Amino acid sequence: MVTWMSGKPLHEKTKEWARRHVRLLEEVGVTPKLAVLLLNDDPVELETQRRYVSLKARDVREVGGEVEIYELVDVPPERRSKEALYLIERLNRRDDVTGILIQKPVPPFVDEDLLFQRLSPEKDVDALTPENKKRLLALFDLDRDLLPCTPAGILELLQMYGVEVKGRDVTVVGKGELVGKPLAVMLMQLDASVSVLHALTRDKLRYVKEADIVISAVGRPPELYRDNPWRLTGDMVKEGAVVVGVGGKVDPATGKWYFDVDEKSVAEKASYLTPNLGGVGLATRARLLKNLIRASYNVARATAAPRLLKAF
């Protein structure tokens, strides 16, 4: 029988932890504040990102923090990178903004590399600046480091349910900068044997079928994409596999979610499985709260209270 890896216990535990640290920060006059940039005007991406951001914002406010959301989707494509850079530089300088999130994916005409080069590493709550990425190439600390939210959330979820990655064959479907690529590096640091699949990979099913752990991070459901669609079904995985579903998109016409993993069929084969709703999404949101608190301490140390070095 499958064990469902719900993200709810991790999410609730993290919110309680965050509330305690918000109170500590407020004692020295610092309130965690998250600034979010939305840049992608593709209808599917924009609707999906708005959903994600509304949930993240709710979490931050529930623990006592504040949120500012900036939508630049109406800025003409030829000016959007420049406007985003101006905004990032202003947010970097503001002492009241303690964390900045550039919601990915950004549109192809936006200079993503330049945005993350300019983003303050101390405020980078998705840990995607060049400086923060370097941490993945060394031994990272899952409990204390600023790490990419979804990859770190997945590792915390596996840890919570006692799923060992050391020495296991892991297949990551999707090589995106947000999930697939950093997650593969982190898994290798934890001594897993990792295969990363992408659109040009030959014989994808062989890699998936042989894997002890399958992590699907594609986000191209057949209902919404004709070009390189993807869905993981039960006949594609081996008996007893651990399956983690990451990709999900919202149909802007109907408001319905579509996911990477066919829950019903995969549950018949898997030993552990994340639910499409209430699984990795909650783990990601939990990690964002942790990263925001850590970033808030970075700002507090620089601007308000050296004694916080002892508090965190």
Protein backbone atom coordinates (compact mmCIF):
# COMPACT_ATOMS: atom_id res chain seq x y z
CA MET A 1 0.00 0.00 0.00
CA VAL A 2 1.28 3.44 -0.91
CA THR A 3 2.34 5.93 1.76
CA TRP A 4 1.23 9.45 0.86
CA MET A 5 3.90 12.05 1.58
CA SER A 6 1.79 15.00 2.62
CA GLY A 7 3.51 18.35 2.97
CA LYS A 8 1.03 19.56 5.58
CA PRO A 9 2.95 18.49 8.73
CA LEU A 10 6.13 20.15 7.44
CA HIS A 11 4.22 23.28 6.46
CA GLU A 12 2.47 23.63 9.82
CA LYS A 13 5.65 22.97 11.78
CA THR A 14 7.53 25.57 9.75
CA LYS A 15 4.82 28.19 10.23
CA GLU A 16 5.09 27.81 14.01
CA TRP A 17 8.88 28.12 13.77
CA ALA A 18 8.53 31.21 11.58
CA ARG A 19 6.09 32.89 13.99
CA ARG A 20 8.61 32.56 16.83
CA HIS A 21 11.36 34.14 14.76
CA VAL A 22 9.12 36.93 13.50
CA ARG A 23 8.56 37.89 17.15
CA LEU A 24 12.32 37.85 17.80
CA LEU A 25 12.97 40.03 14.78
CA GLU A 26 10.23 42.48 15.72
CA GLU A 27 11.90 43.00 19.12
CA VAL A 28 14.70 44.79 17.28
CA GLY A 29 12.40 46.61 14.86
CA VAL A 30 12.63 44.28 11.86
CA THR A 31 9.49 42.84 10.25
CA PRO A 32 10.05 40.23 7.52
CA LYS A 33 8.80 41.62 4.24
CA LEU A 34 8.76 39.69 0.97
CA ALA A 35 8.78 41.48 -2.40
CA VAL A 36 7.63 39.36 -5.36
CA LEU A 37 8.18 40.14 -9.06
CA LEU A 38 5.87 38.69 -11.72
CA LEU A 39 7.27 39.11 -15.24
CA ASN A 40 5.72 36.36 -17.37
CA ASP A 41 2.71 37.39 -19.47
CA ASP A 42 2.08 33.94 -20.99
CA PRO A 43 -1.55 33.21 -19.96
CA VAL A 44 -0.88 29.75 -18.51
CA GLU A 45 2.28 30.84 -16.70
CA LEU A 46 0.74 34.06 -15.39
CA GLU A 47 -2.37 32.36 -14.01
CA THR A 48 -0.25 29.61 -12.42
CA GLN A 49 2.19 32.10 -10.91
CA ARG A 50 -0.60 34.24 -9.51
CA ARG A 51 -2.00 31.18 -7.76
CA TYR A 52 1.37 30.23 -6.32
CA VAL A 53 2.15 33.76 -5.21
CA SER A 54 -1.22 34.24 -3.52
CA LEU A 55 -0.56 31.14 -1.39
CA LYS A 56 2.99 32.21 -0.56
CA ALA A 57 1.76 35.67 0.39
CA ARG A 58 -0.90 34.18 2.64
CA ASP A 59 1.72 32.12 4.48
CA VAL A 60 3.95 35.14 5.07
CA ARG A 61 1.07 37.23 6.38
CA GLU A 62 -0.16 34.40 8.62
CA VAL A 63 3.17 34.28 10.46
CA GLY A 64 3.25 38.06 10.92
CA GLY A 65 5.24 39.18 7.88
CA GLU A 66 4.38 41.53 5.04
CA VAL A 67 4.25 41.13 1.25
CA GLU A 68 4.55 43.45 -1.74
CA ILE A 69 3.67 42.06 -5.20
CA TYR A 70 4.89 43.76 -8.37
CA GLU A 71 3.38 42.71 -11.71
CA LEU A 72 5.40 43.95 -14.67
CA VAL A 73 3.44 41.91 -17.21
CA ASP A 74 2.04 45.01 -18.93
CA VAL A 75 5.47 46.55 -19.49
CA PRO A 76 6.42 46.19 -23.21
CA PRO A 77 8.82 43.27 -23.84
CA GLU A 78 11.62 45.56 -25.03
CA ARG A 79 11.54 47.44 -21.69
CA ARG A 80 10.71 44.68 -19.24
CA SER A 81 14.28 43.65 -18.37
CA LYS A 82 15.28 47.26 -17.73
CA GLU A 83 12.22 47.98 -15.58
CA ALA A 84 12.81 44.78 -13.60
CA LEU A 85 16.44 45.77 -12.99
CA TYR A 86 15.44 49.22 -11.75
CA LEU A 87 12.94 47.63 -9.37
CA ILE A 88 15.43 45.03 -8.09
CA GLU A 89 18.03 47.71 -7.38
CA ARG A 90 15.46 49.75 -5.42
CA LEU A 91 14.37 46.70 -3.43
CA ASN A 92 17.99 45.77 -2.71
CA ARG A 93 18.50 49.18 -1.10
CA ARG A 94 15.34 49.18 1.00
CA ASP A 95 16.00 48.11 4.59
CA ASP A 96 12.32 47.30 5.13
CA VAL A 97 12.36 44.66 2.34
CA THR A 98 14.10 41.59 3.76
CA GLY A 99 13.44 39.06 0.98
CA ILE A 100 13.02 39.25 -2.81
CA LEU A 101 11.48 36.58 -5.05
CA ILE A 102 11.64 36.67 -8.85
CA GLN A 103 8.87 34.25 -9.75
CA LYS A 104 10.09 31.77 -12.37
CA PRO A 105 9.90 31.02 -15.20
CA VAL A 106 10.47 34.47 -16.66
CA PRO A 107 9.70 35.10 -20.35
CA PRO A 108 12.49 34.35 -22.87
CA PHE A 109 12.96 38.01 -23.80
CA VAL A 110 13.88 38.94 -20.21
CA ASP A 111 17.57 38.74 -19.31
CA GLU A 112 17.20 36.31 -16.43
CA ASP A 113 20.93 35.92 -15.79
CA LEU A 114 21.36 39.66 -15.38
CA LEU A 115 18.40 39.90 -12.99
CA PHE A 116 19.89 37.32 -10.65
CA GLN A 117 23.37 38.84 -10.93
CA ARG A 118 21.93 42.15 -9.68
CA LEU A 119 19.74 40.61 -6.96
CA SER A 120 21.20 40.87 -3.46
CA PRO A 121 22.32 37.35 -2.40
CA GLU A 122 21.35 38.17 1.20
CA LYS A 123 17.74 38.83 0.13
CA ASP A 124 17.52 36.05 -2.47
CA VAL A 125 14.82 33.79 -0.98
CA ASP A 126 14.90 31.33 -3.91
CA ALA A 127 18.71 31.01 -3.66
CA LEU A 128 19.27 31.48 -7.40
CA THR A 129 21.90 34.21 -7.48
CA PRO A 130 25.37 33.08 -8.64
CA GLU A 131 26.72 33.40 -5.11
CA ASN A 132 23.96 31.25 -3.61
CA LYS A 133 24.23 28.65 -6.37
CA LYS A 134 27.87 28.07 -5.45
CA ARG A 135 26.71 26.65 -2.13
CA LEU A 136 25.24 23.65 -3.94
CA LEU A 137 28.67 22.65 -5.22
CA ALA A 138 29.97 22.23 -1.69
CA LEU A 139 28.51 20.47 1.33
CA PHE A 140 25.33 22.40 2.09
CA ASP A 141 23.43 22.53 5.37
CA LEU A 142 19.77 21.72 4.75
CA ASP A 143 18.77 23.24 8.07
CA ARG A 144 20.64 26.55 7.93
CA ASP A 145 21.58 27.53 4.38
CA LEU A 146 19.63 29.61 1.88
CA LEU A 147 18.73 26.89 -0.67
CA PRO A 148 16.36 26.70 -3.67
CA CYS A 149 12.87 26.35 -2.22
CA THR A 150 11.41 23.42 -4.14
CA PRO A 151 14.55 21.21 -4.18
CA ALA A 152 15.16 21.82 -0.48
CA GLY A 153 11.47 21.28 0.28
CA ILE A 154 11.56 17.93 -1.54
CA LEU A 155 14.62 16.81 0.42
CA GLU A 156 12.97 17.83 3.70
CA LEU A 157 9.83 15.93 2.72
CA LEU A 158 11.79 12.76 1.89
CA GLN A 159 13.69 13.14 5.15
CA MET A 160 10.45 13.52 7.12
CA TYR A 161 9.08 10.26 5.70
CA GLY A 162 12.31 8.36 6.18
CA VAL A 163 13.13 7.98 2.48
CA GLU A 164 16.89 7.54 2.10
CA VAL A 165 18.50 8.92 -1.06
CA LYS A 166 22.07 7.78 -0.38
CA GLY A 167 23.03 5.04 -2.80
CA ARG A 168 19.65 5.10 -4.57
CA ASP A 169 19.07 5.44 -8.31
CA VAL A 170 17.18 8.71 -8.78
CA THR A 171 15.68 9.96 -12.04
CA VAL A 172 14.84 13.65 -12.24
CA VAL A 173 12.56 14.45 -15.17
CA GLY A 174 13.22 18.05 -16.18
CA LYS A 175 16.45 20.07 -16.08
CA GLY A 176 15.02 23.49 -15.26
CA GLU A 177 17.04 26.06 -13.30
CA LEU A 178 14.36 26.29 -10.62
CA VAL A 179 13.96 22.59 -9.71
CA GLY A 180 15.59 19.93 -11.89
CA LYS A 181 19.15 21.22 -12.13
CA PRO A 182 19.69 22.34 -8.50
CA LEU A 183 17.89 19.26 -7.19
CA ALA A 184 20.15 16.95 -9.20
CA VAL A 185 23.25 18.66 -7.80
CA MET A 186 21.91 18.45 -4.24
CA LEU A 187 21.05 14.76 -4.65
CA MET A 188 24.55 14.02 -5.91
CA GLN A 189 26.00 15.81 -2.87
CA LEU A 190 23.91 13.38 -0.79
CA ASP A 191 25.45 10.41 -2.65
CA ALA A 192 22.50 9.47 -4.84
CA SER A 193 23.11 8.23 -8.39
CA VAL A 194 21.23 10.75 -10.50
CA SER A 195 19.93 10.74 -14.07
CA VAL A 196 18.46 14.00 -15.41
CA LEU A 197 16.04 13.72 -18.33
CA HIS A 198 15.02 16.49 -20.74
CA ALA A 199 13.33 16.99 -24.09
CA LEU A 200 16.24 15.48 -26.07
CA THR A 201 16.84 12.46 -23.82
CA ARG A 202 16.56 9.19 -25.71
CA ASP A 203 14.55 6.33 -24.21
CA LYS A 204 13.20 8.29 -21.24
CA LEU A 205 11.02 5.38 -20.15
CA ARG A 206 14.04 3.15 -19.49
CA TYR A 207 15.51 5.64 -17.03
CA VAL A 208 12.17 6.13 -15.31
CA LYS A 209 11.38 2.42 -15.12
CA GLU A 210 14.74 1.55 -13.52
CA ALA A 211 14.73 4.33 -10.92
CA ASP A 212 14.26 3.77 -7.19
CA ILE A 213 13.09 7.38 -6.89
CA VAL A 214 11.39 9.37 -9.67
CA ILE A 215 11.02 13.13 -9.36
CA SER A 216 8.88 14.65 -12.11
CA ALA A 217 9.48 18.39 -12.58
CA VAL A 218 8.28 19.12 -16.10
CA GLY A 219 5.07 21.14 -15.86
CA ARG A 220 3.83 20.44 -19.40
CA PRO A 221 0.52 18.59 -18.94
CA PRO A 222 -1.00 17.18 -22.16
CA GLU A 223 -4.20 19.13 -21.56
CA LEU A 224 -2.33 22.43 -22.01
CA TYR A 225 0.69 21.64 -24.18
CA ARG A 226 0.98 19.91 -27.54
CA ASP A 227 4.72 20.47 -27.79
CA ASN A 228 6.67 18.05 -25.54
CA PRO A 229 3.79 17.17 -23.19
CA TRP A 230 4.48 14.95 -20.20
CA ARG A 231 2.55 12.81 -17.73
CA LEU A 232 3.91 10.08 -15.48
CA THR A 233 1.63 7.03 -15.23
CA GLY A 234 1.77 3.84 -13.22
CA ASP A 235 2.97 1.64 -16.06
CA MET A 236 6.10 3.83 -16.35
CA VAL A 237 7.49 3.15 -12.85
CA LYS A 238 8.67 -0.02 -11.17
CA GLU A 239 6.95 -1.69 -8.24
CA GLY A 240 7.85 0.02 -4.97
CA ALA A 241 9.31 3.17 -6.50
CA VAL A 242 9.23 6.47 -4.61
CA VAL A 243 7.51 9.11 -6.76
CA VAL A 244 7.57 12.87 -6.25
CA GLY A 245 5.37 15.05 -8.45
CA VAL A 246 6.47 18.65 -8.86
CA GLY A 247 5.04 20.05 -12.09
CA GLY A 248 1.60 21.66 -12.16
CA LYS A 249 -0.10 24.29 -14.30
CA VAL A 250 -3.44 26.11 -14.24
CA ASP A 251 -5.70 26.33 -17.28
CA PRO A 252 -6.49 30.08 -17.48
CA ALA A 253 -9.77 29.33 -19.27
CA THR A 254 -11.20 27.01 -16.60
CA GLY A 255 -9.04 27.61 -13.52
CA LYS A 256 -8.39 23.86 -13.28
CA TRP A 257 -5.03 22.43 -12.18
CA TYR A 258 -3.23 19.81 -14.25
CA PHE A 259 -0.23 17.89 -12.93
CA ASP A 260 2.79 15.82 -13.99
CA VAL A 261 1.70 12.67 -12.18
CA ASP A 262 -1.39 10.52 -12.69
CA GLU A 263 -2.04 9.92 -9.00
CA LYS A 264 -4.45 7.00 -9.33
CA SER A 265 -2.33 4.72 -11.50
CA VAL A 266 1.00 5.62 -9.90
CA ALA A 267 -0.41 4.95 -6.40
CA GLU A 268 -0.97 1.32 -7.44
CA LYS A 269 2.77 0.82 -7.97
CA ALA A 270 4.59 3.29 -5.73
CA SER A 271 5.69 2.72 -2.14
CA TYR A 272 5.74 6.47 -1.42
CA LEU A 273 3.98 9.19 -3.41
CA THR A 274 3.37 12.91 -3.02
CA PRO A 275 -0.25 14.01 -3.55
CA ASN A 276 -0.68 16.52 -6.37
CA LEU A 277 -2.44 18.85 -3.97
CA GLY A 278 -0.87 19.23 -0.54
CA GLY A 279 2.46 17.60 -1.36
CA VAL A 280 5.50 19.35 -2.83
CA GLY A 281 3.65 22.66 -3.05
CA LEU A 282 3.31 22.87 0.73
CA ALA A 283 6.92 21.77 1.21
CA THR A 284 8.04 24.54 -1.16
CA ARG A 285 6.00 27.12 0.71
CA ALA A 286 7.48 25.93 4.00
CA ARG A 287 10.99 26.37 2.63
CA LEU A 288 10.19 29.86 1.37
CA LEU A 289 9.20 30.85 4.90
CA LYS A 290 12.48 29.46 6.24
CA ASN A 291 14.46 31.32 3.60
CA LEU A 292 12.60 34.57 4.28
CA ILE A 293 13.38 34.33 7.98
CA ARG A 294 17.05 33.65 7.23
CA ALA A 295 17.16 36.58 4.80
CA SER A 296 15.47 38.77 7.41
CA TYR A 297 18.23 37.94 9.89
CA ASN A 298 20.77 38.90 7.21
CA VAL A 299 19.16 42.33 6.93
CA ALA A 300 18.78 42.68 10.70
CA ARG A 301 22.46 41.93 11.30
CA ALA A 302 23.45 44.57 8.78
CA THR A 303 21.04 47.28 9.87
CA ALA A 304 19.64 46.76 13.32
CA ALA A 305 21.10 44.33 15.79
CA PRO A 306 24.48 42.61 15.99
CA ARG A 307 23.16 40.70 19.02
CA LEU A 308 20.93 38.71 16.65
CA LEU A 309 24.04 36.70 15.79
CA LYS A 310 23.33 34.84 19.02
CA ALA A 311 19.63 34.38 18.25
CA PHE A 312 20.00 32.59 14.94
